[in-house]
Amino acid sequence: MLAYPAAAAVGAALVAAGFTVMGIVAQVMNGVTERVFEGLWIIPAAFLYAFVVFLIGLAVIGTPAWLVLVRTGRTTRQHAMLAGAGLCFLAGAIVVAALGEPVLAWEPWALIASLAVPGAAAGWTLHRVAYGQPGDRRRL
């Protein structure tokens, strides 16, 4: 019951951390070091937005994907991480393509690739909360 919100929270926290780091780096690179922390109000908003997106993604895309993995006997933590990374990468690619970004530019691909990290962490968390430690006998 708590696996989806926990996974969404971890994915959202990593997205918000990415926003934080990139916001600070952008301010420092632009030479606006005295106002570097003024833009950090975006962190809670980024977390809440990413939490909702991850939660919906887990329910709408993650559940059918996990059912396919269960049916094919691929239920290890590594499979959950690969599924999370792959599905976030694919979702990012679909959004970038829908927005009409140029395919040969590196920026959209950097964004898409960066989404694989919170996706993998969400997959790890989902598996950890749902199945427990590797030695636990608890099952879904």
N, C-alpha and C. Protein backbone atom coordinates (compact mmCIF):
# COMPACT_ATOMS: atom_id res chain seq x y z
N MET A 1 0.81 -1.20 0.00
CA MET A 1 0.00 0.00 0.00
C MET A 1 0.86 1.27 0.00
N LEU A 2 1.98 1.21 0.66
CA LEU A 2 2.85 2.37 0.74
C LEU A 2 3.92 2.39 -0.35
N ALA A 3 4.00 1.35 -1.15
CA ALA A 3 5.08 1.25 -2.13
C ALA A 3 4.99 2.36 -3.18
N TYR A 4 3.81 2.64 -3.69
CA TYR A 4 3.67 3.68 -4.73
C TYR A 4 4.01 5.07 -4.20
N PRO A 5 3.42 5.49 -3.06
CA PRO A 5 3.79 6.83 -2.56
C PRO A 5 5.27 6.93 -2.19
N ALA A 6 5.85 5.86 -1.65
CA ALA A 6 7.27 5.90 -1.29
C ALA A 6 8.13 6.04 -2.53
N ALA A 7 7.82 5.27 -3.57
CA ALA A 7 8.58 5.35 -4.81
C ALA A 7 8.41 6.72 -5.46
N ALA A 8 7.20 7.25 -5.45
CA ALA A 8 6.94 8.57 -6.02
C ALA A 8 7.70 9.65 -5.24
N ALA A 9 7.77 9.51 -3.93
CA ALA A 9 8.47 10.50 -3.11
C ALA A 9 9.97 10.48 -3.39
N VAL A 10 10.55 9.29 -3.56
CA VAL A 10 11.98 9.20 -3.85
C VAL A 10 12.27 9.78 -5.23
N GLY A 11 11.48 9.41 -6.23
CA GLY A 11 11.67 9.97 -7.56
C GLY A 11 11.52 11.48 -7.57
N ALA A 12 10.51 11.97 -6.88
CA ALA A 12 10.27 13.42 -6.82
C ALA A 12 11.39 14.14 -6.08
N ALA A 13 11.91 13.53 -5.02
CA ALA A 13 13.00 14.15 -4.28
C ALA A 13 14.25 14.29 -5.16
N LEU A 14 14.52 13.28 -5.98
CA LEU A 14 15.67 13.37 -6.88
C LEU A 14 15.45 14.42 -7.97
N VAL A 15 14.23 14.53 -8.47
CA VAL A 15 13.93 15.57 -9.45
C VAL A 15 14.10 16.95 -8.82
N ALA A 16 13.58 17.14 -7.61
CA ALA A 16 13.72 18.42 -6.92
C ALA A 16 15.19 18.73 -6.63
N ALA A 17 15.96 17.71 -6.27
CA ALA A 17 17.40 17.91 -6.03
C ALA A 17 18.09 18.34 -7.33
N GLY A 18 17.69 17.75 -8.44
CA GLY A 18 18.24 18.16 -9.73
C GLY A 18 17.93 19.60 -10.06
N PHE A 19 16.68 20.01 -9.80
CA PHE A 19 16.30 21.41 -10.00
C PHE A 19 17.15 22.32 -9.12
N THR A 20 17.39 21.91 -7.89
CA THR A 20 18.17 22.72 -6.96
C THR A 20 19.60 22.89 -7.45
N VAL A 21 20.23 21.78 -7.79
CA VAL A 21 21.63 21.83 -8.24
C VAL A 21 21.75 22.65 -9.52
N MET A 22 20.87 22.40 -10.47
CA MET A 22 20.97 23.13 -11.73
C MET A 22 20.65 24.61 -11.55
N GLY A 23 19.73 24.92 -10.65
CA GLY A 23 19.43 26.33 -10.38
C GLY A 23 20.61 27.06 -9.78
N ILE A 24 21.28 26.42 -8.83
CA ILE A 24 22.45 27.04 -8.21
C ILE A 24 23.59 27.17 -9.21
N VAL A 25 23.82 26.11 -9.99
CA VAL A 25 24.90 26.15 -10.99
C VAL A 25 24.63 27.25 -12.01
N ALA A 26 23.40 27.38 -12.47
CA ALA A 26 23.07 28.42 -13.45
C ALA A 26 23.30 29.81 -12.88
N GLN A 27 22.91 30.02 -11.62
CA GLN A 27 23.12 31.33 -11.00
C GLN A 27 24.60 31.64 -10.86
N VAL A 28 25.38 30.66 -10.44
CA VAL A 28 26.82 30.88 -10.25
C VAL A 28 27.50 31.12 -11.59
N MET A 29 27.12 30.36 -12.61
CA MET A 29 27.74 30.54 -13.93
C MET A 29 27.38 31.88 -14.54
N ASN A 30 26.23 32.44 -14.20
CA ASN A 30 25.83 33.75 -14.70
C ASN A 30 26.35 34.88 -13.84
N GLY A 31 27.11 34.55 -12.79
CA GLY A 31 27.72 35.56 -11.95
C GLY A 31 26.77 36.23 -10.98
N VAL A 32 25.66 35.58 -10.67
CA VAL A 32 24.68 36.16 -9.75
C VAL A 32 24.77 35.43 -8.41
N THR A 33 25.97 35.40 -7.84
CA THR A 33 26.19 34.63 -6.62
C THR A 33 25.51 35.23 -5.39
N GLU A 34 25.31 36.54 -5.37
CA GLU A 34 24.68 37.14 -4.18
C GLU A 34 23.19 36.82 -4.09
N ARG A 35 22.58 36.37 -5.19
CA ARG A 35 21.16 36.05 -5.19
C ARG A 35 20.92 34.58 -5.51
N VAL A 36 21.90 33.74 -5.20
CA VAL A 36 21.85 32.34 -5.62
C VAL A 36 20.71 31.57 -4.96
N PHE A 37 20.32 31.94 -3.77
CA PHE A 37 19.31 31.18 -3.06
C PHE A 37 17.89 31.73 -3.23
N GLU A 38 17.73 32.80 -3.98
CA GLU A 38 16.40 33.39 -4.16
C GLU A 38 15.48 32.52 -5.01
N GLY A 39 16.05 31.73 -5.89
CA GLY A 39 15.23 30.90 -6.77
C GLY A 39 14.90 29.54 -6.20
N LEU A 40 15.29 29.29 -4.97
CA LEU A 40 15.06 27.97 -4.39
C LEU A 40 13.63 27.75 -3.93
N TRP A 41 12.77 28.73 -4.12
CA TRP A 41 11.35 28.53 -3.81
C TRP A 41 10.75 27.47 -4.72
N ILE A 42 11.42 27.19 -5.83
CA ILE A 42 10.91 26.23 -6.80
C ILE A 42 11.01 24.79 -6.27
N ILE A 43 11.83 24.54 -5.27
CA ILE A 43 12.05 23.18 -4.79
C ILE A 43 10.75 22.52 -4.32
N PRO A 44 9.97 23.12 -3.43
CA PRO A 44 8.73 22.45 -3.02
C PRO A 44 7.75 22.27 -4.18
N ALA A 45 7.69 23.26 -5.07
CA ALA A 45 6.79 23.14 -6.22
C ALA A 45 7.24 22.02 -7.14
N ALA A 46 8.55 21.93 -7.38
CA ALA A 46 9.07 20.85 -8.23
C ALA A 46 8.82 19.49 -7.59
N PHE A 47 9.00 19.41 -6.27
CA PHE A 47 8.75 18.14 -5.58
C PHE A 47 7.29 17.71 -5.71
N LEU A 48 6.37 18.64 -5.44
CA LEU A 48 4.94 18.29 -5.50
C LEU A 48 4.52 17.90 -6.92
N TYR A 49 4.98 18.64 -7.90
CA TYR A 49 4.64 18.33 -9.28
C TYR A 49 5.21 16.97 -9.68
N ALA A 50 6.48 16.74 -9.37
CA ALA A 50 7.11 15.47 -9.72
C ALA A 50 6.48 14.31 -8.96
N PHE A 51 6.07 14.55 -7.71
CA PHE A 51 5.41 13.50 -6.93
C PHE A 51 4.12 13.05 -7.61
N VAL A 52 3.32 14.00 -8.03
CA VAL A 52 2.06 13.68 -8.71
C VAL A 52 2.34 12.95 -10.03
N VAL A 53 3.31 13.44 -10.80
CA VAL A 53 3.64 12.81 -12.08
C VAL A 53 4.13 11.38 -11.86
N PHE A 54 5.01 11.18 -10.89
CA PHE A 54 5.51 9.84 -10.60
C PHE A 54 4.38 8.93 -10.12
N LEU A 55 3.51 9.43 -9.26
CA LEU A 55 2.42 8.61 -8.74
C LEU A 55 1.48 8.18 -9.86
N ILE A 56 1.13 9.10 -10.73
CA ILE A 56 0.27 8.75 -11.87
C ILE A 56 1.00 7.79 -12.81
N GLY A 57 2.27 8.06 -13.07
CA GLY A 57 3.06 7.19 -13.93
C GLY A 57 3.18 5.78 -13.38
N LEU A 58 3.37 5.67 -12.07
CA LEU A 58 3.45 4.35 -11.46
C LEU A 58 2.14 3.60 -11.61
N ALA A 59 1.04 4.30 -11.43
CA ALA A 59 -0.27 3.64 -11.51
C ALA A 59 -0.63 3.29 -12.96
N VAL A 60 -0.40 4.21 -13.88
CA VAL A 60 -0.87 4.03 -15.26
C VAL A 60 0.11 3.22 -16.12
N ILE A 61 1.40 3.47 -15.95
CA ILE A 61 2.40 2.81 -16.79
C ILE A 61 3.15 1.72 -16.01
N GLY A 62 3.49 2.03 -14.76
CA GLY A 62 4.28 1.09 -13.97
C GLY A 62 3.57 -0.20 -13.63
N THR A 63 2.29 -0.12 -13.32
CA THR A 63 1.55 -1.32 -12.95
C THR A 63 1.47 -2.32 -14.11
N PRO A 64 1.07 -1.92 -15.31
CA PRO A 64 1.07 -2.90 -16.40
C PRO A 64 2.48 -3.43 -16.71
N ALA A 65 3.48 -2.56 -16.62
CA ALA A 65 4.85 -3.01 -16.89
C ALA A 65 5.28 -4.05 -15.85
N TRP A 66 4.94 -3.81 -14.58
CA TRP A 66 5.30 -4.76 -13.54
C TRP A 66 4.54 -6.08 -13.70
N LEU A 67 3.30 -6.01 -14.12
CA LEU A 67 2.55 -7.24 -14.37
C LEU A 67 3.20 -8.07 -15.47
N VAL A 68 3.71 -7.41 -16.50
CA VAL A 68 4.43 -8.13 -17.56
C VAL A 68 5.71 -8.75 -16.99
N LEU A 69 6.42 -7.99 -16.17
CA LEU A 69 7.64 -8.53 -15.57
C LEU A 69 7.34 -9.72 -14.66
N VAL A 70 6.27 -9.63 -13.88
CA VAL A 70 5.89 -10.74 -12.99
C VAL A 70 5.54 -11.97 -13.81
N ARG A 71 4.77 -11.78 -14.87
CA ARG A 71 4.36 -12.91 -15.73
C ARG A 71 5.56 -13.59 -16.40
N THR A 72 6.61 -12.83 -16.65
CA THR A 72 7.79 -13.40 -17.29
C THR A 72 8.86 -13.81 -16.28
N GLY A 73 8.56 -13.70 -14.99
CA GLY A 73 9.48 -14.15 -13.95
C GLY A 73 10.63 -13.20 -13.65
N ARG A 74 10.50 -11.96 -14.01
CA ARG A 74 11.56 -10.97 -13.79
C ARG A 74 11.15 -10.05 -12.65
N THR A 75 11.35 -10.52 -11.42
CA THR A 75 10.88 -9.75 -10.26
C THR A 75 12.00 -9.37 -9.30
N THR A 76 13.23 -9.33 -9.76
CA THR A 76 14.31 -8.93 -8.87
C THR A 76 14.36 -7.40 -8.75
N ARG A 77 15.12 -6.95 -7.79
CA ARG A 77 15.27 -5.51 -7.60
C ARG A 77 15.92 -4.86 -8.81
N GLN A 78 16.85 -5.56 -9.45
CA GLN A 78 17.51 -5.03 -10.64
C GLN A 78 16.51 -4.85 -11.78
N HIS A 79 15.58 -5.79 -11.91
CA HIS A 79 14.54 -5.65 -12.93
C HIS A 79 13.66 -4.44 -12.66
N ALA A 80 13.34 -4.21 -11.39
CA ALA A 80 12.52 -3.04 -11.03
C ALA A 80 13.26 -1.75 -11.35
N MET A 81 14.56 -1.73 -11.08
CA MET A 81 15.35 -0.53 -11.38
C MET A 81 15.46 -0.29 -12.88
N LEU A 82 15.69 -1.35 -13.64
CA LEU A 82 15.78 -1.21 -15.09
C LEU A 82 14.44 -0.77 -15.68
N ALA A 83 13.35 -1.33 -15.17
CA ALA A 83 12.03 -0.93 -15.65
C ALA A 83 11.76 0.54 -15.33
N GLY A 84 12.08 0.97 -14.11
CA GLY A 84 11.88 2.37 -13.73
C GLY A 84 12.71 3.31 -14.58
N ALA A 85 13.98 2.97 -14.78
CA ALA A 85 14.86 3.82 -15.60
C ALA A 85 14.38 3.85 -17.04
N GLY A 86 14.05 2.69 -17.57
CA GLY A 86 13.61 2.62 -18.97
C GLY A 86 12.30 3.34 -19.22
N LEU A 87 11.35 3.16 -18.30
CA LEU A 87 10.05 3.81 -18.48
C LEU A 87 10.15 5.33 -18.34
N CYS A 88 10.98 5.81 -17.41
CA CYS A 88 11.16 7.27 -17.29
C CYS A 88 11.89 7.82 -18.51
N PHE A 89 12.87 7.09 -19.01
CA PHE A 89 13.57 7.50 -20.23
C PHE A 89 12.59 7.58 -21.39
N LEU A 90 11.76 6.56 -21.54
CA LEU A 90 10.78 6.52 -22.62
C LEU A 90 9.74 7.64 -22.47
N ALA A 91 9.26 7.87 -21.26
CA ALA A 91 8.29 8.95 -21.03
C ALA A 91 8.91 10.30 -21.36
N GLY A 92 10.16 10.51 -20.96
CA GLY A 92 10.85 11.75 -21.29
C GLY A 92 11.02 11.94 -22.78
N ALA A 93 11.34 10.86 -23.48
CA ALA A 93 11.50 10.93 -24.94
C ALA A 93 10.18 11.27 -25.62
N ILE A 94 9.10 10.71 -25.12
CA ILE A 94 7.78 11.01 -25.69
C ILE A 94 7.41 12.47 -25.48
N VAL A 95 7.67 12.98 -24.28
CA VAL A 95 7.35 14.38 -23.99
C VAL A 95 8.21 15.31 -24.85
N VAL A 96 9.50 15.03 -24.95
CA VAL A 96 10.39 15.87 -25.75
C VAL A 96 9.97 15.85 -27.22
N ALA A 97 9.61 14.67 -27.72
CA ALA A 97 9.16 14.57 -29.12
C ALA A 97 7.85 15.32 -29.31
N ALA A 98 6.95 15.23 -28.34
CA ALA A 98 5.67 15.92 -28.44
C ALA A 98 5.84 17.43 -28.41
N LEU A 99 6.86 17.90 -27.72
CA LEU A 99 7.13 19.34 -27.67
C LEU A 99 7.83 19.84 -28.92
N GLY A 100 8.25 18.93 -29.79
CA GLY A 100 8.88 19.33 -31.04
C GLY A 100 10.33 19.74 -30.91
N GLU A 101 11.02 19.23 -29.90
CA GLU A 101 12.44 19.56 -29.75
C GLU A 101 13.24 18.92 -30.87
N PRO A 102 14.33 19.55 -31.29
CA PRO A 102 15.16 18.97 -32.35
C PRO A 102 15.82 17.67 -31.89
N VAL A 103 15.76 16.67 -32.73
CA VAL A 103 16.26 15.34 -32.36
C VAL A 103 17.78 15.32 -32.24
N LEU A 104 18.48 16.13 -33.01
CA LEU A 104 19.93 16.09 -33.02
C LEU A 104 20.58 16.99 -31.96
N ALA A 105 19.79 17.78 -31.25
CA ALA A 105 20.36 18.63 -30.19
C ALA A 105 20.68 17.77 -28.97
N TRP A 106 21.70 18.12 -28.22
CA TRP A 106 22.09 17.32 -27.07
C TRP A 106 21.26 17.63 -25.83
N GLU A 107 20.71 18.85 -25.72
CA GLU A 107 19.99 19.23 -24.51
C GLU A 107 18.78 18.35 -24.22
N PRO A 108 17.92 18.06 -25.21
CA PRO A 108 16.78 17.19 -24.91
C PRO A 108 17.23 15.80 -24.48
N TRP A 109 18.30 15.29 -25.08
CA TRP A 109 18.77 13.96 -24.71
C TRP A 109 19.40 13.96 -23.32
N ALA A 110 20.02 15.06 -22.93
CA ALA A 110 20.55 15.15 -21.56
C ALA A 110 19.40 15.14 -20.56
N LEU A 111 18.32 15.86 -20.87
CA LEU A 111 17.15 15.85 -20.00
C LEU A 111 16.55 14.45 -19.92
N ILE A 112 16.39 13.81 -21.06
CA ILE A 112 15.79 12.48 -21.10
C ILE A 112 16.65 11.49 -20.30
N ALA A 113 17.95 11.53 -20.50
CA ALA A 113 18.85 10.62 -19.79
C ALA A 113 18.83 10.88 -18.29
N SER A 114 18.71 12.14 -17.90
CA SER A 114 18.70 12.46 -16.47
C SER A 114 17.45 11.94 -15.78
N LEU A 115 16.39 11.69 -16.52
CA LEU A 115 15.17 11.14 -15.92
C LEU A 115 15.32 9.67 -15.57
N ALA A 116 16.30 8.99 -16.14
CA ALA A 116 16.49 7.58 -15.83
C ALA A 116 16.94 7.37 -14.38
N VAL A 117 17.66 8.32 -13.81
CA VAL A 117 18.15 8.17 -12.44
C VAL A 117 17.01 8.16 -11.42
N PRO A 118 16.11 9.16 -11.42
CA PRO A 118 14.99 9.07 -10.48
C PRO A 118 14.07 7.89 -10.78
N GLY A 119 13.98 7.48 -12.05
CA GLY A 119 13.17 6.32 -12.40
C GLY A 119 13.73 5.04 -11.80
N ALA A 120 15.05 4.88 -11.88
CA ALA A 120 15.70 3.71 -11.28
C ALA A 120 15.56 3.73 -9.76
N ALA A 121 15.70 4.90 -9.16
CA ALA A 121 15.55 5.01 -7.71
C ALA A 121 14.12 4.70 -7.29
N ALA A 122 13.15 5.15 -8.07
CA ALA A 122 11.75 4.84 -7.78
C ALA A 122 11.49 3.34 -7.90
N GLY A 123 12.07 2.70 -8.91
CA GLY A 123 11.93 1.26 -9.07
C GLY A 123 12.55 0.50 -7.91
N TRP A 124 13.73 0.94 -7.48
CA TRP A 124 14.39 0.32 -6.33
C TRP A 124 13.53 0.45 -5.08
N THR A 125 13.03 1.66 -4.85
CA THR A 125 12.21 1.91 -3.66
C THR A 125 10.92 1.11 -3.70
N LEU A 126 10.27 1.08 -4.85
CA LEU A 126 9.03 0.31 -4.98
C LEU A 126 9.27 -1.15 -4.63
N HIS A 127 10.32 -1.73 -5.17
CA HIS A 127 10.63 -3.13 -4.89
C HIS A 127 10.98 -3.32 -3.43
N ARG A 128 11.76 -2.42 -2.87
CA ARG A 128 12.21 -2.52 -1.46
C ARG A 128 11.03 -2.46 -0.51
N VAL A 129 10.11 -1.53 -0.75
CA VAL A 129 8.95 -1.39 0.13
C VAL A 129 7.98 -2.55 -0.07
N ALA A 130 7.78 -2.96 -1.31
CA ALA A 130 6.81 -4.03 -1.59
C ALA A 130 7.32 -5.40 -1.17
N TYR A 131 8.60 -5.69 -1.44
CA TYR A 131 9.13 -7.03 -1.20
C TYR A 131 10.02 -7.12 0.03
N GLY A 132 10.49 -6.00 0.55
CA GLY A 132 11.35 -6.02 1.74
C GLY A 132 12.79 -6.33 1.40
N GLN A 133 13.56 -6.68 2.44
CA GLN A 133 14.97 -7.05 2.28
C GLN A 133 15.08 -8.33 1.47
N PRO A 134 16.23 -8.58 0.85
CA PRO A 134 16.40 -9.80 0.07
C PRO A 134 16.14 -11.08 0.87
N GLY A 135 16.40 -11.08 2.15
CA GLY A 135 16.19 -12.28 2.97
C GLY A 135 14.80 -12.42 3.54
N ASP A 136 13.97 -11.39 3.40
CA ASP A 136 12.61 -11.44 3.94
C ASP A 136 11.76 -12.46 3.17
N ARG A 137 10.79 -13.02 3.83
CA ARG A 137 9.89 -13.98 3.18
C ARG A 137 8.59 -13.30 2.77
N ARG A 138 8.48 -12.01 2.98
CA ARG A 138 7.26 -11.27 2.64
C ARG A 138 7.08 -11.20 1.14
N ARG A 139 5.90 -11.41 0.66
CA ARG A 139 5.58 -11.32 -0.76
C ARG A 139 4.33 -10.46 -0.94
N LEU A 140 4.10 -10.01 -2.15
CA LEU A 140 2.91 -9.21 -2.45
C LEU A 140 1.67 -10.04 -2.38
